[in-house]
Amino acid sequence: MTEEEIISRGVPEHVAIILDGNGRWAKKRLLPRTFGHRKGAFNIRTIARYANKIGIKYLSVFCFSTENWSRPNDEVSYLMNHPVRFIKRYRDDLLNSNVKITFSGRRDRLPSPLLNALLDLEENSKGHTGMVLNLCIDYGSFDELSRGIKEMVKEIQAGKMSVEDINQQTILSHLDTRNFPPVDLLIRTSGEIRISNFLMLQIAYAELYFTDTLWPDFSERDLLKAIENFQSRNRRFGGLKESK
């Protein structure tokens, strides 16, 4: 199917991607893992531009998990510092794209230069009307839910809500993605078939797509292939629909 045909059938509103395989991409080329992370960072830019072009409204990408702090110190240091250089180099390009940039995850453990660079992008793109690019950094679903529960407890203690007010909607409204619709399509690259603590509540009724392609090699055509697969699914949301 051509690009035009796939787009004409309707693209998912919210796509989430677990960016996996940077290290293996580098290893296959006898390069340090950091080279794979660098290539992967450039690919976020490429795929985000294309996702915006074809009409995806929200793109959430898993950049660094709450568990990734346990990786070797030199790799963690690179992952905390290289994005700052990348953002500085492409800041004008990013802000001229009409993409609205935000980020999910903990903000108290990020180094100040990275946090400030992300806050700058968030502040200066908040008026943009294009796709929302959600960078998930120091993010984990259990951590996100724990933070949300603590917020609700504080509101209960302050008399702003009661225990009886807690339901599915109030829980979702206390997550980092409170302003986003649920995920429609979750993609994981590199051949791994697991969720890895990523947007677990948000993907409750998402379609899951796994590909052997390593993230640095994941192309615009690969995204279209995932969307084409999504379009073939019979989404029932717990109910019943006629088979396609």
C-alpha atoms as a PDB file:
ATOM      1  CA  MET A   1       0.000   0.000   0.000  1.00  0.00           C
ATOM      2  CA  THR A   2       1.289   3.478  -0.806  1.00  0.00           C
ATOM      3  CA  GLU A   3       1.861   6.248   1.714  1.00  0.00           C
ATOM      4  CA  GLU A   4      -1.167   8.121   0.412  1.00  0.00           C
ATOM      5  CA  GLU A   5      -3.400   5.066   0.736  1.00  0.00           C
ATOM      6  CA  ILE A   6      -2.301   4.373   4.302  1.00  0.00           C
ATOM      7  CA  ILE A   7      -2.788   7.999   5.374  1.00  0.00           C
ATOM      8  CA  SER A   8      -6.200   8.170   3.684  1.00  0.00           C
ATOM      9  CA  ARG A   9      -7.414   5.279   5.868  1.00  0.00           C
ATOM     10  CA  GLY A  10      -6.716   7.317   9.014  1.00  0.00           C
ATOM     11  CA  VAL A  11      -3.654   7.352  11.260  1.00  0.00           C
ATOM     12  CA  PRO A  12      -3.760   6.659  15.025  1.00  0.00           C
ATOM     13  CA  GLU A  13      -4.157   9.776  17.156  1.00  0.00           C
ATOM     14  CA  HIS A  14      -1.587   8.830  19.811  1.00  0.00           C
ATOM     15  CA  VAL A  15       1.435   6.674  18.987  1.00  0.00           C
ATOM     16  CA  ALA A  16       3.972   5.601  21.615  1.00  0.00           C
ATOM     17  CA  ILE A  17       7.379   4.132  20.809  1.00  0.00           C
ATOM     18  CA  ILE A  18       9.810   2.209  23.016  1.00  0.00           C
ATOM     19  CA  LEU A  19      13.106   3.204  21.426  1.00  0.00           C
ATOM     20  CA  ASP A  20      15.108   0.005  21.771  1.00  0.00           C
ATOM     21  CA  GLY A  21      18.261  -1.234  20.098  1.00  0.00           C
ATOM     22  CA  ASN A  22      20.687   1.698  20.125  1.00  0.00           C
ATOM     23  CA  GLY A  23      23.395  -0.305  21.873  1.00  0.00           C
ATOM     24  CA  ARG A  24      22.979  -3.338  19.624  1.00  0.00           C
ATOM     25  CA  TRP A  25      23.055  -1.097  16.544  1.00  0.00           C
ATOM     26  CA  ALA A  26      26.451   0.221  17.659  1.00  0.00           C
ATOM     27  CA  LYS A  27      27.770  -3.205  18.658  1.00  0.00           C
ATOM     28  CA  LYS A  28      26.964  -4.617  15.207  1.00  0.00           C
ATOM     29  CA  ARG A  29      29.220  -1.915  13.801  1.00  0.00           C
ATOM     30  CA  LEU A  30      31.967  -2.425  16.402  1.00  0.00           C
ATOM     31  CA  LEU A  31      31.276   1.042  17.809  1.00  0.00           C
ATOM     32  CA  PRO A  32      30.781   2.240  21.408  1.00  0.00           C
ATOM     33  CA  ARG A  33      27.178   2.161  22.647  1.00  0.00           C
ATOM     34  CA  THR A  34      27.180   5.957  22.773  1.00  0.00           C
ATOM     35  CA  PHE A  35      27.336   6.052  18.966  1.00  0.00           C
ATOM     36  CA  GLY A  36      24.061   4.162  18.890  1.00  0.00           C
ATOM     37  CA  HIS A  37      22.456   6.619  21.306  1.00  0.00           C
ATOM     38  CA  ARG A  38      23.637   9.511  19.150  1.00  0.00           C
ATOM     39  CA  LYS A  39      22.170   7.936  16.028  1.00  0.00           C
ATOM     40  CA  GLY A  40      18.975   7.173  17.945  1.00  0.00           C
ATOM     41  CA  ALA A  41      18.608  10.810  19.029  1.00  0.00           C
ATOM     42  CA  PHE A  42      18.779  11.964  15.416  1.00  0.00           C
ATOM     43  CA  ASN A  43      16.130   9.398  14.524  1.00  0.00           C
ATOM     44  CA  ILE A  44      13.692  10.830  17.079  1.00  0.00           C
ATOM     45  CA  ARG A  45      13.899  14.082  15.134  1.00  0.00           C
ATOM     46  CA  THR A  46      13.362  12.307  11.805  1.00  0.00           C
ATOM     47  CA  ILE A  47      10.398  10.205  12.927  1.00  0.00           C
ATOM     48  CA  ALA A  48       8.781  13.078  14.835  1.00  0.00           C
ATOM     49  CA  ARG A  49       8.908  15.286  11.742  1.00  0.00           C
ATOM     50  CA  TYR A  50       7.311  12.569   9.644  1.00  0.00           C
ATOM     51  CA  ALA A  51       4.672  11.724  12.264  1.00  0.00           C
ATOM     52  CA  ASN A  52       3.678  15.383  12.329  1.00  0.00           C
ATOM     53  CA  LYS A  53       3.540  15.466   8.543  1.00  0.00           C
ATOM     54  CA  ILE A  54       1.175  12.492   8.230  1.00  0.00           C
ATOM     55  CA  GLY A  55      -1.239  13.733  10.891  1.00  0.00           C
ATOM     56  CA  ILE A  56      -0.380  11.908  14.110  1.00  0.00           C
ATOM     57  CA  LYS A  57      -1.473  14.218  16.944  1.00  0.00           C
ATOM     58  CA  TYR A  58       0.580  12.812  19.848  1.00  0.00           C
ATOM     59  CA  LEU A  59       3.889  10.956  19.797  1.00  0.00           C
ATOM     60  CA  SER A  60       5.303   9.648  23.094  1.00  0.00           C
ATOM     61  CA  VAL A  61       8.848   8.274  22.976  1.00  0.00           C
ATOM     62  CA  PHE A  62      10.589   6.334  25.765  1.00  0.00           C
ATOM     63  CA  CYS A  63      14.021   7.933  26.001  1.00  0.00           C
ATOM     64  CA  PHE A  64      15.254   7.035  29.503  1.00  0.00           C
ATOM     65  CA  SER A  65      13.534   4.910  32.136  1.00  0.00           C
ATOM     66  CA  THR A  66      13.615   5.110  35.923  1.00  0.00           C
ATOM     67  CA  GLU A  67      15.551   1.818  35.763  1.00  0.00           C
ATOM     68  CA  ASN A  68      18.180   3.087  33.310  1.00  0.00           C
ATOM     69  CA  TRP A  69      20.111   4.785  36.134  1.00  0.00           C
ATOM     70  CA  SER A  70      21.575   1.345  36.883  1.00  0.00           C
ATOM     71  CA  ARG A  71      23.466   1.293  33.572  1.00  0.00           C
ATOM     72  CA  PRO A  72      27.243   1.950  33.514  1.00  0.00           C
ATOM     73  CA  ASN A  73      28.146   5.441  34.729  1.00  0.00           C
ATOM     74  CA  ASP A  74      29.732   6.520  31.455  1.00  0.00           C
ATOM     75  CA  GLU A  75      26.620   5.556  29.484  1.00  0.00           C
ATOM     76  CA  VAL A  76      24.285   7.331  31.932  1.00  0.00           C
ATOM     77  CA  SER A  77      26.530  10.399  31.822  1.00  0.00           C
ATOM     78  CA  TYR A  78      26.342  10.439  28.026  1.00  0.00           C
ATOM     79  CA  LEU A  79      22.550  10.062  28.061  1.00  0.00           C
ATOM     80  CA  MET A  80      22.239  12.976  30.474  1.00  0.00           C
ATOM     81  CA  ASN A  81      24.673  15.278  28.663  1.00  0.00           C
ATOM     82  CA  HIS A  82      24.438  14.573  24.940  1.00  0.00           C
ATOM     83  CA  PRO A  83      20.783  15.658  24.655  1.00  0.00           C
ATOM     84  CA  VAL A  84      21.783  19.114  25.936  1.00  0.00           C
ATOM     85  CA  ARG A  85      24.237  19.543  23.064  1.00  0.00           C
ATOM     86  CA  PHE A  86      21.685  18.157  20.621  1.00  0.00           C
ATOM     87  CA  ILE A  87      18.970  20.553  21.823  1.00  0.00           C
ATOM     88  CA  LYS A  88      21.304  23.562  21.667  1.00  0.00           C
ATOM     89  CA  ARG A  89      22.372  22.671  18.138  1.00  0.00           C
ATOM     90  CA  TYR A  90      18.855  22.130  16.799  1.00  0.00           C
ATOM     91  CA  ARG A  91      16.855  24.416  19.103  1.00  0.00           C
ATOM     92  CA  ASP A  92      15.785  26.863  16.375  1.00  0.00           C
ATOM     93  CA  ASP A  93      14.920  24.019  14.022  1.00  0.00           C
ATOM     94  CA  LEU A  94      12.852  22.309  16.716  1.00  0.00           C
ATOM     95  CA  LEU A  95      11.016  25.488  17.670  1.00  0.00           C
ATOM     96  CA  ASN A  96      10.303  26.418  14.047  1.00  0.00           C
ATOM     97  CA  SER A  97       8.640  23.055  13.346  1.00  0.00           C
ATOM     98  CA  ASN A  98       5.286  23.926  14.993  1.00  0.00           C
ATOM     99  CA  VAL A  99       5.620  20.720  17.052  1.00  0.00           C
ATOM    100  CA  LYS A 100       4.642  21.173  20.689  1.00  0.00           C
ATOM    101  CA  ILE A 101       7.296  19.599  22.918  1.00  0.00           C
ATOM    102  CA  THR A 102       6.650  18.351  26.422  1.00  0.00           C
ATOM    103  CA  PHE A 103       8.161  15.705  28.668  1.00  0.00           C
ATOM    104  CA  SER A 104       6.961  13.116  31.128  1.00  0.00           C
ATOM    105  CA  GLY A 105       8.782  11.624  34.075  1.00  0.00           C
ATOM    106  CA  ARG A 106      10.570  12.790  37.179  1.00  0.00           C
ATOM    107  CA  ARG A 107      12.098  16.240  37.044  1.00  0.00           C
ATOM    108  CA  ASP A 108      13.942  16.194  40.362  1.00  0.00           C
ATOM    109  CA  ARG A 109      16.778  13.865  39.333  1.00  0.00           C
ATOM    110  CA  LEU A 110      17.729  15.308  35.956  1.00  0.00           C
ATOM    111  CA  PRO A 111      20.937  17.374  35.794  1.00  0.00           C
ATOM    112  CA  SER A 112      20.165  21.106  35.708  1.00  0.00           C
ATOM    113  CA  PRO A 113      21.495  21.691  32.156  1.00  0.00           C
ATOM    114  CA  LEU A 114      19.231  18.966  30.737  1.00  0.00           C
ATOM    115  CA  LEU A 115      16.206  20.009  32.801  1.00  0.00           C
ATOM    116  CA  ASN A 116      16.617  23.654  31.802  1.00  0.00           C
ATOM    117  CA  ALA A 117      17.010  22.754  28.118  1.00  0.00           C
ATOM    118  CA  LEU A 118      13.823  20.672  28.235  1.00  0.00           C
ATOM    119  CA  LEU A 119      11.902  23.369  30.116  1.00  0.00           C
ATOM    120  CA  ASP A 120      13.021  25.902  27.511  1.00  0.00           C
ATOM    121  CA  LEU A 121      11.647  23.739  24.682  1.00  0.00           C
ATOM    122  CA  GLU A 122       8.431  23.135  26.596  1.00  0.00           C
ATOM    123  CA  GLU A 123       7.885  26.822  27.361  1.00  0.00           C
ATOM    124  CA  ASN A 124       8.730  28.118  23.908  1.00  0.00           C
ATOM    125  CA  SER A 125       6.684  25.545  22.008  1.00  0.00           C
ATOM    126  CA  LYS A 126       3.553  25.620  24.187  1.00  0.00           C
ATOM    127  CA  GLY A 127       1.707  27.769  21.664  1.00  0.00           C
ATOM    128  CA  HIS A 128       2.437  25.463  18.750  1.00  0.00           C
ATOM    129  CA  THR A 129      -0.509  23.828  17.053  1.00  0.00           C
ATOM    130  CA  GLY A 130       1.161  20.822  15.440  1.00  0.00           C
ATOM    131  CA  MET A 131       1.791  17.383  16.878  1.00  0.00           C
ATOM    132  CA  VAL A 132       2.636  17.004  20.577  1.00  0.00           C
ATOM    133  CA  LEU A 133       6.015  15.309  21.037  1.00  0.00           C
ATOM    134  CA  ASN A 134       6.155  13.801  24.534  1.00  0.00           C
ATOM    135  CA  LEU A 135       9.719  12.928  25.587  1.00  0.00           C
ATOM    136  CA  CYS A 136       9.595  10.364  28.405  1.00  0.00           C
ATOM    137  CA  ILE A 137      12.774  10.871  30.426  1.00  0.00           C
ATOM    138  CA  ASP A 138      13.428   9.339  33.855  1.00  0.00           C
ATOM    139  CA  TYR A 139       9.989   7.863  33.357  1.00  0.00           C
ATOM    140  CA  GLY A 140       8.410   4.675  34.707  1.00  0.00           C
ATOM    141  CA  SER A 141       4.742   3.812  35.082  1.00  0.00           C
ATOM    142  CA  PHE A 142       5.048   2.669  38.700  1.00  0.00           C
ATOM    143  CA  ASP A 143       6.845   5.896  39.601  1.00  0.00           C
ATOM    144  CA  GLU A 144       4.269   7.958  37.713  1.00  0.00           C
ATOM    145  CA  LEU A 145       1.401   6.206  39.519  1.00  0.00           C
ATOM    146  CA  SER A 146       3.127   6.628  42.895  1.00  0.00           C
ATOM    147  CA  ARG A 147       3.500  10.351  42.294  1.00  0.00           C
ATOM    148  CA  GLY A 148      -0.126  10.590  41.210  1.00  0.00           C
ATOM    149  CA  ILE A 149      -1.354   8.783  44.330  1.00  0.00           C
ATOM    150  CA  LYS A 150       0.667  11.125  46.535  1.00  0.00           C
ATOM    151  CA  GLU A 151      -0.979  14.106  44.780  1.00  0.00           C
ATOM    152  CA  MET A 152      -4.431  12.645  45.418  1.00  0.00           C
ATOM    153  CA  VAL A 153      -3.630  12.003  49.096  1.00  0.00           C
ATOM    154  CA  LYS A 154      -2.544  15.620  49.504  1.00  0.00           C
ATOM    155  CA  GLU A 155      -5.766  16.812  47.868  1.00  0.00           C
ATOM    156  CA  ILE A 156      -7.827  14.577  50.166  1.00  0.00           C
ATOM    157  CA  GLN A 157      -5.969  15.908  53.208  1.00  0.00           C
ATOM    158  CA  ALA A 158      -6.596  19.464  52.018  1.00  0.00           C
ATOM    159  CA  GLY A 159     -10.289  18.759  51.581  1.00  0.00           C
ATOM    160  CA  LYS A 160     -10.157  19.262  47.794  1.00  0.00           C
ATOM    161  CA  MET A 161     -11.432  15.748  47.083  1.00  0.00           C
ATOM    162  CA  SER A 162     -12.663  12.680  48.970  1.00  0.00           C
ATOM    163  CA  VAL A 163     -11.728   9.010  48.781  1.00  0.00           C
ATOM    164  CA  GLU A 164     -15.078   8.389  47.069  1.00  0.00           C
ATOM    165  CA  ASP A 165     -13.975  10.694  44.240  1.00  0.00           C
ATOM    166  CA  ILE A 166     -11.221   8.299  43.211  1.00  0.00           C
ATOM    167  CA  ASN A 167     -12.113   6.479  40.011  1.00  0.00           C
ATOM    168  CA  GLN A 168     -10.569   5.726  36.637  1.00  0.00           C
ATOM    169  CA  GLN A 169     -10.852   9.316  35.463  1.00  0.00           C
ATOM    170  CA  THR A 170      -9.347  10.888  38.591  1.00  0.00           C
ATOM    171  CA  ILE A 171      -6.420   8.461  38.441  1.00  0.00           C
ATOM    172  CA  LEU A 172      -5.768   9.318  34.786  1.00  0.00           C
ATOM    173  CA  SER A 173      -6.043  13.025  35.593  1.00  0.00           C
ATOM    174  CA  HIS A 174      -3.127  12.709  38.030  1.00  0.00           C
ATOM    175  CA  LEU A 175      -0.732  11.115  35.545  1.00  0.00           C
ATOM    176  CA  ASP A 176       1.964  12.946  33.575  1.00  0.00           C
ATOM    177  CA  THR A 177      -0.123  12.444  30.429  1.00  0.00           C
ATOM    178  CA  ARG A 178      -3.289  13.942  31.930  1.00  0.00           C
ATOM    179  CA  ASN A 179      -3.766  16.195  28.885  1.00  0.00           C
ATOM    180  CA  PHE A 180      -3.285  13.414  26.323  1.00  0.00           C
ATOM    181  CA  PRO A 181      -5.732  10.901  24.871  1.00  0.00           C
ATOM    182  CA  PRO A 182      -5.056   7.189  25.491  1.00  0.00           C
ATOM    183  CA  VAL A 183      -2.380   5.525  23.386  1.00  0.00           C
ATOM    184  CA  ASP A 184      -3.780   3.943  20.216  1.00  0.00           C
ATOM    185  CA  LEU A 185      -0.630   2.231  18.960  1.00  0.00           C
ATOM    186  CA  LEU A 186       2.448   1.143  20.919  1.00  0.00           C
ATOM    187  CA  ILE A 187       5.541   0.269  18.891  1.00  0.00           C
ATOM    188  CA  ARG A 188       8.643  -1.438  20.278  1.00  0.00           C
ATOM    189  CA  THR A 189      11.742  -1.768  18.155  1.00  0.00           C
ATOM    190  CA  SER A 190      14.649  -4.282  18.309  1.00  0.00           C
ATOM    191  CA  GLY A 191      12.703  -7.529  18.615  1.00  0.00           C
ATOM    192  CA  GLU A 192      12.022  -7.418  22.354  1.00  0.00           C
ATOM    193  CA  ILE A 193       8.425  -8.296  23.241  1.00  0.00           C
ATOM    194  CA  ARG A 194       7.650  -6.582  26.535  1.00  0.00           C
ATOM    195  CA  ILE A 195       6.278  -3.286  27.837  1.00  0.00           C
ATOM    196  CA  SER A 196       9.094  -2.403  30.281  1.00  0.00           C
ATOM    197  CA  ASN A 197       7.034  -0.258  32.656  1.00  0.00           C
ATOM    198  CA  PHE A 198       6.054   2.221  29.925  1.00  0.00           C
ATOM    199  CA  LEU A 199       2.676   4.016  29.920  1.00  0.00           C
ATOM    200  CA  MET A 200       1.004   0.932  31.382  1.00  0.00           C
ATOM    201  CA  LEU A 201      -2.324   2.603  32.153  1.00  0.00           C
ATOM    202  CA  GLN A 202      -2.305   4.689  28.987  1.00  0.00           C
ATOM    203  CA  ILE A 203      -1.902   1.598  26.759  1.00  0.00           C
ATOM    204  CA  ALA A 204      -4.756  -0.345  28.387  1.00  0.00           C
ATOM    205  CA  TYR A 205      -6.545  -0.686  25.019  1.00  0.00           C
ATOM    206  CA  ALA A 206      -3.689   0.134  22.668  1.00  0.00           C
ATOM    207  CA  GLU A 207      -2.698  -2.086  19.781  1.00  0.00           C
ATOM    208  CA  LEU A 208       0.829  -3.453  20.246  1.00  0.00           C
ATOM    209  CA  TYR A 209       3.344  -3.732  17.418  1.00  0.00           C
ATOM    210  CA  PHE A 210       6.785  -5.301  17.737  1.00  0.00           C
ATOM    211  CA  THR A 211       9.489  -5.117  15.084  1.00  0.00           C
ATOM    212  CA  ASP A 212      12.995  -6.582  14.848  1.00  0.00           C
ATOM    213  CA  THR A 213      14.266  -3.308  13.390  1.00  0.00           C
ATOM    214  CA  LEU A 214      16.714  -1.541  15.710  1.00  0.00           C
ATOM    215  CA  TRP A 215      15.662   1.986  16.611  1.00  0.00           C
ATOM    216  CA  PRO A 216      18.455   3.827  14.721  1.00  0.00           C
ATOM    217  CA  ASP A 217      17.345   1.965  11.560  1.00  0.00           C
ATOM    218  CA  PHE A 218      13.601   2.541  12.117  1.00  0.00           C
ATOM    219  CA  SER A 219      12.488   4.550   9.102  1.00  0.00           C
ATOM    220  CA  GLU A 220       9.478   6.491   7.905  1.00  0.00           C
ATOM    221  CA  ARG A 221       8.480   3.422   5.913  1.00  0.00           C
ATOM    222  CA  ASP A 222       8.700   1.294   9.082  1.00  0.00           C
ATOM    223  CA  LEU A 223       6.296   3.697  10.810  1.00  0.00           C
ATOM    224  CA  LEU A 224       3.885   3.415   7.898  1.00  0.00           C
ATOM    225  CA  LYS A 225       4.141  -0.382   8.083  1.00  0.00           C
ATOM    226  CA  ALA A 226       3.213  -0.262  11.782  1.00  0.00           C
ATOM    227  CA  ILE A 227       0.264   2.025  11.017  1.00  0.00           C
ATOM    228  CA  GLU A 228      -0.903  -0.250   8.203  1.00  0.00           C
ATOM    229  CA  ASN A 229      -0.817  -3.166  10.636  1.00  0.00           C
ATOM    230  CA  PHE A 230      -2.771  -1.071  13.184  1.00  0.00           C
ATOM    231  CA  GLN A 231      -5.430  -0.317  10.575  1.00  0.00           C
ATOM    232  CA  SER A 232      -6.001  -4.049  10.073  1.00  0.00           C
ATOM    233  CA  ARG A 233      -6.834  -4.652  13.752  1.00  0.00           C
ATOM    234  CA  ASN A 234     -10.361  -5.171  15.055  1.00  0.00           C
ATOM    235  CA  ARG A 235     -10.398  -2.771  18.020  1.00  0.00           C
ATOM    236  CA  ARG A 236     -13.136  -3.875  20.422  1.00  0.00           C
ATOM    237  CA  PHE A 237     -12.257  -2.015  23.658  1.00  0.00           C
ATOM    238  CA  GLY A 238     -13.690  -4.892  25.673  1.00  0.00           C
ATOM    239  CA  GLY A 239     -16.850  -5.135  23.572  1.00  0.00           C
ATOM    240  CA  LEU A 240     -17.722  -6.984  20.388  1.00  0.00           C
ATOM    241  CA  LYS A 241     -17.443  -5.852  16.798  1.00  0.00           C
ATOM    242  CA  GLU A 242     -17.894  -7.629  13.533  1.00  0.00           C
ATOM    243  CA  SER A 243     -14.666  -9.024  12.103  1.00  0.00           C
ATOM    244  CA  LYS A 244     -13.131  -7.091   9.266  1.00  0.00           C
END
